[in-house]
N, C-alpha and C. Protein backbone atom coordinates (compact mmCIF):
# COMPACT_ATOMS: atom_id res chain seq x y z
N MET A 1 59.42 -41.42 -5.55
CA MET A 1 58.25 -40.70 -5.34
C MET A 1 58.67 -39.20 -5.49
N GLN A 2 58.08 -38.56 -6.56
CA GLN A 2 58.35 -37.19 -6.78
C GLN A 2 57.37 -36.19 -6.09
N GLY A 3 57.75 -35.05 -5.82
CA GLY A 3 56.95 -33.94 -5.35
C GLY A 3 56.89 -34.00 -3.74
N HIS A 4 55.85 -33.39 -3.16
CA HIS A 4 55.80 -33.45 -1.73
C HIS A 4 54.33 -33.95 -1.37
N GLU A 5 54.29 -34.51 -0.19
CA GLU A 5 52.99 -35.01 0.31
C GLU A 5 52.84 -34.21 1.72
N THR A 6 51.66 -33.79 1.93
CA THR A 6 51.35 -33.07 3.25
C THR A 6 50.52 -34.01 4.16
N PHE A 7 50.92 -34.00 5.32
CA PHE A 7 50.32 -34.73 6.33
C PHE A 7 50.09 -33.92 7.55
N ILE A 8 49.00 -34.26 8.34
CA ILE A 8 48.74 -33.49 9.55
C ILE A 8 48.88 -34.59 10.60
N LEU A 9 49.76 -34.37 11.58
CA LEU A 9 50.07 -35.38 12.66
C LEU A 9 49.61 -34.90 13.91
N THR A 10 48.75 -35.60 14.54
CA THR A 10 48.21 -35.16 15.97
C THR A 10 48.77 -36.31 16.84
N ILE A 11 49.38 -35.81 17.88
CA ILE A 11 50.04 -36.80 18.87
C ILE A 11 49.35 -36.53 20.32
N PHE A 12 48.97 -37.60 20.89
CA PHE A 12 48.45 -37.54 22.21
C PHE A 12 49.31 -38.35 23.16
N HIS A 13 49.75 -37.87 24.32
CA HIS A 13 50.45 -38.56 25.27
C HIS A 13 49.92 -38.49 26.65
N ASP A 14 49.54 -39.60 27.29
CA ASP A 14 48.97 -39.65 28.57
C ASP A 14 49.83 -40.69 29.39
N PRO A 15 50.81 -40.24 30.15
CA PRO A 15 51.70 -41.19 30.77
C PRO A 15 50.92 -42.19 31.69
N ALA A 16 49.82 -41.71 32.25
CA ALA A 16 48.91 -42.62 33.03
C ALA A 16 48.41 -43.81 32.33
N ARG A 17 48.24 -43.76 30.98
CA ARG A 17 47.65 -44.78 30.15
C ARG A 17 48.77 -45.58 29.49
N SER A 18 49.74 -44.94 28.93
CA SER A 18 50.71 -45.63 28.10
C SER A 18 51.99 -44.84 28.18
N SER A 19 53.04 -45.54 27.99
CA SER A 19 54.30 -44.93 27.92
C SER A 19 54.57 -44.25 26.49
N ASP A 20 53.95 -44.86 25.47
CA ASP A 20 54.11 -44.43 24.14
C ASP A 20 53.02 -43.50 23.70
N PRO A 21 53.39 -42.50 22.91
CA PRO A 21 52.42 -41.58 22.38
C PRO A 21 51.49 -42.29 21.36
N ARG A 22 50.32 -41.75 21.30
CA ARG A 22 49.29 -42.26 20.32
C ARG A 22 48.95 -41.03 19.55
N GLY A 23 48.21 -41.30 18.42
CA GLY A 23 47.70 -40.20 17.60
C GLY A 23 47.06 -40.50 16.32
N ARG A 24 46.96 -39.52 15.53
CA ARG A 24 46.23 -39.76 14.18
C ARG A 24 47.15 -39.16 13.19
N LEU A 25 47.19 -39.61 11.98
CA LEU A 25 47.96 -39.23 10.85
C LEU A 25 46.80 -39.08 9.69
N ARG A 26 46.84 -37.80 9.24
CA ARG A 26 45.86 -37.56 8.04
C ARG A 26 46.62 -37.00 6.89
N HIS A 27 46.43 -37.67 5.69
CA HIS A 27 47.00 -37.24 4.43
C HIS A 27 46.06 -36.24 3.87
N VAL A 28 46.50 -35.01 3.65
CA VAL A 28 45.67 -33.91 3.43
C VAL A 28 44.91 -34.03 1.98
N THR A 29 45.73 -34.49 0.99
CA THR A 29 45.13 -34.59 -0.43
C THR A 29 44.00 -35.68 -0.55
N SER A 30 44.28 -36.82 0.13
CA SER A 30 43.26 -37.86 0.04
C SER A 30 42.16 -37.80 1.17
N GLY A 31 42.57 -37.13 2.20
CA GLY A 31 41.74 -37.07 3.43
C GLY A 31 41.82 -38.28 4.20
N GLN A 32 42.59 -39.23 3.88
CA GLN A 32 42.71 -40.54 4.62
C GLN A 32 43.26 -40.27 5.85
N GLU A 33 42.64 -40.77 7.12
CA GLU A 33 43.11 -40.67 8.32
C GLU A 33 43.17 -42.03 9.02
N ILE A 34 44.40 -42.04 9.69
CA ILE A 34 44.74 -43.39 10.32
C ILE A 34 45.25 -43.10 11.80
N THR A 35 44.76 -43.98 12.69
CA THR A 35 45.23 -43.78 14.16
C THR A 35 46.41 -44.72 14.32
N PHE A 36 47.25 -44.43 15.26
CA PHE A 36 48.35 -45.22 15.68
C PHE A 36 48.55 -45.29 17.12
N VAL A 37 48.97 -46.39 17.65
CA VAL A 37 49.01 -46.55 19.12
C VAL A 37 50.44 -46.51 19.70
N ASP A 38 51.42 -46.47 18.77
CA ASP A 38 52.83 -46.19 19.18
C ASP A 38 53.71 -45.71 17.98
N LEU A 39 54.93 -45.29 18.32
CA LEU A 39 55.69 -44.73 17.18
C LEU A 39 56.10 -45.68 16.20
N ASN A 40 56.32 -46.98 16.65
CA ASN A 40 56.64 -48.03 15.54
C ASN A 40 55.50 -48.14 14.57
N GLU A 41 54.34 -47.99 15.02
CA GLU A 41 53.11 -48.20 14.18
C GLU A 41 53.07 -46.91 13.19
N LEU A 42 53.37 -45.84 13.77
CA LEU A 42 53.46 -44.56 12.96
C LEU A 42 54.47 -44.76 11.79
N VAL A 43 55.64 -45.18 12.13
CA VAL A 43 56.69 -45.54 11.13
C VAL A 43 56.19 -46.48 10.14
N ARG A 44 55.50 -47.61 10.51
CA ARG A 44 55.02 -48.61 9.66
C ARG A 44 54.05 -48.03 8.70
N LEU A 45 53.16 -47.20 9.21
CA LEU A 45 52.11 -46.59 8.37
C LEU A 45 52.74 -45.69 7.25
N LEU A 46 53.58 -44.87 7.67
CA LEU A 46 54.31 -43.91 6.71
C LEU A 46 55.06 -44.76 5.59
N ARG A 47 55.75 -45.78 6.07
CA ARG A 47 56.33 -46.65 5.02
C ARG A 47 55.43 -47.28 4.08
N GLN A 48 54.27 -47.83 4.58
CA GLN A 48 53.25 -48.30 3.64
C GLN A 48 52.79 -47.28 2.80
N PHE A 49 52.61 -45.97 3.17
CA PHE A 49 52.05 -44.97 2.28
C PHE A 49 53.14 -44.67 1.21
N VAL A 50 54.41 -44.59 1.53
CA VAL A 50 55.45 -44.38 0.47
C VAL A 50 55.48 -45.51 -0.50
N ILE A 51 55.41 -46.81 0.04
CA ILE A 51 55.47 -47.92 -0.90
C ILE A 51 54.23 -48.01 -1.86
N LYS A 52 53.09 -47.56 -1.35
CA LYS A 52 51.84 -47.52 -2.19
C LYS A 52 52.00 -46.45 -3.24
N LYS A 53 52.59 -45.26 -2.73
CA LYS A 53 52.66 -44.08 -3.66
C LYS A 53 53.60 -44.45 -4.81
N VAL A 54 54.77 -45.02 -4.53
CA VAL A 54 55.77 -45.43 -5.42
C VAL A 54 55.18 -46.43 -6.43
N GLU A 55 54.39 -47.40 -5.95
CA GLU A 55 53.86 -48.33 -6.86
C GLU A 55 52.80 -47.74 -7.78
N GLN A 56 52.04 -46.84 -7.32
CA GLN A 56 50.95 -46.05 -8.08
C GLN A 56 51.77 -45.24 -9.25
N GLU A 57 52.81 -44.63 -8.89
CA GLU A 57 53.52 -43.85 -9.90
C GLU A 57 54.32 -44.71 -10.87
N GLU A 58 54.76 -45.82 -10.43
CA GLU A 58 55.29 -46.86 -11.46
C GLU A 58 54.32 -47.42 -12.36
N GLY A 59 53.03 -47.69 -11.91
CA GLY A 59 51.99 -48.10 -12.75
C GLY A 59 51.64 -47.06 -13.75
N GLU A 60 51.55 -45.78 -13.31
CA GLU A 60 51.19 -44.64 -14.19
C GLU A 60 52.27 -44.62 -15.30
N ASN A 61 53.61 -44.61 -14.95
CA ASN A 61 54.65 -44.60 -15.89
C ASN A 61 54.68 -45.70 -16.89
N ASN A 62 54.26 -46.92 -16.38
CA ASN A 62 54.17 -48.13 -17.26
C ASN A 62 53.02 -47.82 -18.31
N GLU A 63 51.96 -47.22 -17.85
CA GLU A 63 50.79 -46.96 -18.76
C GLU A 63 51.08 -46.02 -19.84
N THR A 64 51.83 -44.87 -19.51
CA THR A 64 52.14 -43.92 -20.41
C THR A 64 53.24 -44.35 -21.48
N GLN A 65 54.06 -45.37 -21.08
CA GLN A 65 55.11 -45.91 -22.06
C GLN A 65 54.55 -46.79 -22.92
N ALA A 66 53.38 -47.46 -22.64
CA ALA A 66 52.71 -48.50 -23.54
C ALA A 66 51.96 -47.88 -24.62
């Protein structure tokens, strides 16, 4: 994955409701916004984004080579 991606991360933490922080992650360029309920889910969402981005770039590279 080349270049930089910008995200806005909003974290909420209410110890009375949950020990884990919750929040929203928004990808600035696409406007896609995803909510997460714990930090493990946030990590999973970021990994999914990176995998998807790499697959898109590989597809674009294959198209330009053909």
